[in-house]
Protein backbone atom coordinates (compact mmCIF):
# COMPACT_ATOMS: atom_id res chain seq x y z
CA UNK A 1 16.85 9.55 50.36
CA UNK A 2 19.70 10.49 47.72
CA UNK A 3 17.86 9.77 43.98
CA UNK A 4 18.81 6.64 42.65
CA UNK A 5 20.64 6.63 38.95
CA UNK A 6 21.33 3.90 36.62
CA UNK A 7 24.22 4.41 34.08
CA UNK A 8 24.99 1.93 31.96
CA UNK A 9 27.80 2.32 29.26
CA UNK A 10 30.33 -0.17 28.41
CA UNK A 11 33.18 2.51 29.08
CA UNK A 12 34.65 2.20 32.50
CA UNK A 13 36.30 5.56 32.50
CA UNK A 14 32.92 7.38 31.19
CA UNK A 15 30.80 5.00 33.93
CA UNK A 16 33.31 6.54 36.37
CA UNK A 17 33.36 9.79 35.21
CA UNK A 18 29.56 10.21 35.57
CA UNK A 19 29.35 8.80 39.13
CA UNK A 20 31.80 11.35 40.32
CA UNK A 21 29.58 13.78 38.98
CA UNK A 22 26.48 12.96 40.40
CA UNK A 23 27.62 11.81 43.71
CA UNK A 24 29.12 15.30 44.10
CA UNK A 25 25.35 16.47 43.71
CA UNK A 26 24.14 13.91 46.33
CA UNK A 27 22.84 11.25 43.83
CA UNK A 28 23.20 7.21 44.72
CA UNK A 29 24.82 5.97 41.70
CA UNK A 30 24.90 2.54 40.07
CA UNK A 31 26.45 1.32 36.69
CA UNK A 32 26.31 -1.92 34.52
CA UNK A 33 29.24 -2.13 32.05
CA UNK A 34 27.13 -4.31 29.64
CA UNK A 35 23.60 -4.76 28.16
CA UNK A 36 22.15 -7.79 30.00
CA UNK A 37 23.56 -6.54 33.26
CA UNK A 38 21.79 -3.26 32.21
CA UNK A 39 18.47 -4.79 31.23
CA UNK A 40 18.24 -6.74 34.79
CA UNK A 41 18.80 -3.67 36.64
CA UNK A 42 17.13 -1.40 34.84
CA UNK A 43 13.84 -3.70 34.24
CA UNK A 44 14.21 -5.44 37.94
CA UNK A 45 15.07 -2.39 40.21
CA UNK A 46 13.46 0.92 41.10
CA UNK A 47 15.42 3.76 39.84
CA UNK A 48 14.38 7.36 39.80
CA UNK A 49 16.48 7.98 36.50
CA UNK A 50 18.75 5.51 34.11
CA UNK A 51 21.70 6.64 31.73
CA UNK A 52 21.58 4.49 28.63
CA UNK A 53 24.25 4.26 25.99
CA UNK A 54 23.65 2.93 22.67
CA UNK A 55 26.23 0.58 21.85
CA UNK A 56 26.57 -2.02 24.48
CA UNK A 57 27.96 -5.88 24.27
CA UNK A 58 24.77 -8.03 24.80
CA UNK A 59 21.52 -6.15 24.65
CA UNK A 60 21.62 -2.46 22.79
CA UNK A 61 20.75 0.50 24.93
CA UNK A 62 17.50 0.57 22.16
CA UNK A 63 16.63 -2.44 23.24
CA UNK A 64 16.89 -1.71 26.63
CA UNK A 65 15.17 1.42 27.08
CA UNK A 66 12.16 -0.43 24.42
CA UNK A 67 11.99 -2.80 27.45
CA UNK A 68 12.20 -0.30 30.36
CA UNK A 69 8.66 1.24 28.53
CA UNK A 70 7.08 -2.12 28.69
CA UNK A 71 7.87 -3.27 32.40
CA UNK A 72 6.58 -2.24 36.02
CA UNK A 73 8.93 0.80 36.05
CA UNK A 74 8.10 2.25 32.75
CA UNK A 75 7.61 5.68 34.18
CA UNK A 76 11.96 6.25 34.65
CA UNK A 77 12.93 8.93 33.15
CA UNK A 78 15.76 7.37 30.28
CA UNK A 79 18.27 9.59 28.89
CA UNK A 80 20.27 8.12 26.42
CA UNK A 81 24.14 8.23 25.04
CA UNK A 82 24.38 8.88 21.11
CA UNK A 83 27.93 9.59 19.35
CA UNK A 84 28.08 12.60 17.55
CA UNK A 85 26.32 12.80 14.13
CA UNK A 86 24.38 9.48 15.31
CA UNK A 87 20.89 11.39 14.20
CA UNK A 88 19.30 7.69 13.25
CA UNK A 89 20.05 6.24 16.44
CA UNK A 90 18.96 9.19 18.76
CA UNK A 91 15.57 9.41 16.86
CA UNK A 92 15.09 5.89 17.08
CA UNK A 93 15.94 6.63 20.79
CA UNK A 94 13.08 8.88 20.95
CA UNK A 95 10.82 6.88 19.18
CA UNK A 96 11.14 4.12 21.77
CA UNK A 97 10.39 6.47 25.09
CA UNK A 98 13.59 8.03 25.81
CA UNK A 99 13.00 11.53 27.64
CA UNK A 100 16.49 12.74 26.50
CA UNK A 101 19.55 12.66 24.50
CA UNK A 102 23.27 13.45 25.34
CA UNK A 103 25.95 13.49 22.43
CA UNK A 104 29.42 12.19 23.29
CA UNK A 105 31.26 13.33 23.64
CA UNK A 106 29.80 15.61 26.59
CA UNK A 107 31.07 17.28 29.62
CA UNK A 108 29.90 16.22 33.41
CA UNK A 109 28.31 19.52 33.60
CA UNK A 110 26.05 18.78 30.93
CA UNK A 111 24.88 16.03 31.82
CA UNK A 112 24.31 16.77 35.51
CA UNK A 113 22.36 19.97 34.31
CA UNK A 114 19.88 17.39 32.10
CA UNK A 115 19.58 14.84 34.91
CA UNK A 116 19.00 17.92 37.47
CA UNK A 117 16.16 18.89 34.99
CA UNK A 118 14.22 15.58 34.72
CA UNK A 119 14.25 14.76 38.33
CA UNK A 120 13.08 18.42 38.99
CA UNK A 121 9.96 17.92 36.72
CA UNK A 122 9.10 15.05 38.15
CA UNK A 123 9.80 15.52 41.89
CA UNK A 124 8.31 19.21 41.98
CA UNK A 125 4.49 19.39 40.33
CA UNK A 126 2.41 21.43 41.62
CA UNK A 127 -0.64 19.42 42.85
CA UNK A 128 -3.52 22.40 42.31
CA UNK A 129 -2.54 22.10 38.84
CA UNK A 130 -2.01 18.72 38.03
CA UNK A 131 -5.34 17.17 36.65
CA UNK A 132 -6.36 18.14 33.05
CA UNK A 133 -9.14 16.84 31.08
CA UNK A 134 -10.43 17.92 27.57
CA UNK A 135 -12.79 15.35 25.15
CA UNK A 136 -12.23 12.18 26.24
CA UNK A 137 -8.47 13.10 27.66
CA UNK A 138 -7.51 12.81 31.21
CA UNK A 139 -4.25 13.75 32.67
CA UNK A 140 -2.92 13.53 36.00
CA UNK A 141 0.59 14.50 36.71
CA UNK A 142 0.63 13.32 40.25
CA UNK A 143 -0.89 10.30 40.00
CA UNK A 144 1.52 9.96 36.41
CA UNK A 145 -1.18 8.83 34.24
CA UNK A 146 -3.67 9.18 31.57
CA UNK A 147 -6.48 8.18 29.93
CA UNK A 148 -8.64 8.64 26.83
CA UNK A 149 -12.35 7.75 26.98
CA UNK A 150 -11.12 5.90 30.58
CA UNK A 151 -8.52 3.62 28.76
CA UNK A 152 -5.16 3.90 30.23
CA UNK A 153 -3.35 5.60 28.18
CA UNK A 154 0.42 4.68 28.83
CA UNK A 155 3.12 7.61 28.48
CA UNK A 156 6.55 8.00 29.33
CA UNK A 157 7.33 10.59 31.65
CA UNK A 158 8.12 13.23 29.30
CA UNK A 159 5.43 12.48 27.05
CA UNK A 160 2.89 13.06 30.07
CA UNK A 161 4.46 16.44 31.03
CA UNK A 162 4.55 17.47 27.11
CA UNK A 163 0.59 16.25 27.16
CA UNK A 164 -0.38 18.21 30.19
CA UNK A 165 1.45 21.54 29.58
CA UNK A 166 -0.28 22.12 25.83
CA UNK A 167 -3.39 21.05 27.29
CA UNK A 168 -3.05 23.52 30.31
CA UNK A 169 -2.76 26.27 27.55
CA UNK A 170 -5.06 24.82 24.81
CA UNK A 171 -5.33 26.74 22.03
CA UNK A 172 -2.28 28.69 22.54
CA UNK A 173 0.73 28.13 19.67
CA UNK A 174 4.61 26.86 20.95
CA UNK A 175 7.47 26.63 18.76
CA UNK A 176 9.55 23.90 18.70
CA UNK A 177 12.39 25.80 20.57
CA UNK A 178 9.97 27.55 23.07
CA UNK A 179 8.68 23.27 24.17
CA UNK A 180 12.28 22.34 24.48
CA UNK A 181 13.00 25.57 26.98
CA UNK A 182 9.66 24.96 28.98
CA UNK A 183 9.79 20.75 28.81
CA UNK A 184 13.48 20.19 28.35
CA UNK A 185 14.79 23.50 30.14
CA UNK A 186 17.18 23.60 27.08
CA UNK A 187 18.24 27.44 27.38
CA UNK A 188 20.76 27.37 24.90
CA UNK A 189 21.27 25.98 21.21
CA UNK A 190 21.13 22.16 20.32
CA UNK A 191 22.11 20.20 17.56
CA UNK A 192 17.57 19.64 16.60
CA UNK A 193 14.35 20.42 17.65
CA UNK A 194 13.68 16.97 16.37
CA UNK A 195 13.43 15.87 20.02
CA UNK A 196 10.18 17.78 20.02
CA UNK A 197 8.67 16.59 16.59
CA UNK A 198 9.36 12.85 17.93
CA UNK A 199 7.53 13.30 21.49
CA UNK A 200 4.22 15.05 19.15
CA UNK A 201 4.28 12.44 16.94
CA UNK A 202 4.61 9.32 19.51
CA UNK A 203 1.62 11.38 21.61
CA UNK A 204 -0.43 11.36 18.29
CA UNK A 205 0.00 7.54 17.49
CA UNK A 206 -0.95 6.41 21.09
CA UNK A 207 -3.87 8.74 21.59
CA UNK A 208 -5.21 7.97 18.24
CA UNK A 209 -5.27 4.05 18.70
CA UNK A 210 -7.70 4.97 21.59
CA UNK A 211 -9.72 8.23 19.82
CA UNK A 212 -8.82 7.53 16.38
CA UNK A 213 -11.93 10.04 15.66
CA UNK A 214 -10.58 13.53 17.39
CA UNK A 215 -7.09 14.95 17.06
CA UNK A 216 -6.12 16.69 19.93
CA UNK A 217 -2.62 18.02 18.95
CA UNK A 218 -2.71 20.54 16.23
CA UNK A 219 0.63 21.77 14.05
CA UNK A 220 0.44 25.05 13.46
CA UNK A 221 3.15 24.74 10.21
CA UNK A 222 6.59 26.46 9.97
CA UNK A 223 6.27 27.48 13.65
CA UNK A 224 4.97 24.80 16.44
CA UNK A 225 2.39 22.74 18.02
CA UNK A 226 -0.69 23.59 20.01
CA UNK A 227 -3.65 21.62 21.70
CA UNK A 228 -6.77 22.54 20.43
CA UNK A 229 -9.41 19.35 20.11
CA UNK A 230 -10.73 19.03 16.62
CA UNK A 231 -13.06 15.90 15.02
CA UNK A 232 -11.26 13.92 12.01
């Protein structure tokens, strides 16, 4: 069975370019040319990955991304398409649960590489190293879930993977760039490491809502982050 991908963009040429590029790699691709259609497809049908433009007629990409994370399909990976220089939109997209973003104009090769990296992560977990527990925090990659003191922690796929990776290497500090390479598979210079910071911020907030007495994600100033359980 081929991975099923949805692209939501009001530019027909971009949709066609993306469709051809992904179909050449044996992905099954559907498209939506407006936000309302994209919203209905993204929240009502099953996909392995969704590519969302931010600027859309009808519902915009940020609204759709937020709706996905509050729907039964909340675990699907999401890549946001943003115009060059729209730093605020990229940050908002990450805050609302996007796993990655690609800046327009982009090359089909770059987008395909990002798609492959995301899908590879969710298709090839190692069952022998899929479950982690520290303090009141439990993560299971195979079952795609996490709990804090037996309360379910609702995470996006990239949040779940980032948390599990840091838990697996408890006490070891990773730079933002190392985390970009390990979790997002970026092997060339990127515009910003803001992606990592936004995911860490969201993880801290979500975990803190369920356990306000412990801090699990430590900042090593001037370098990066590590997992270590500390009382607040």
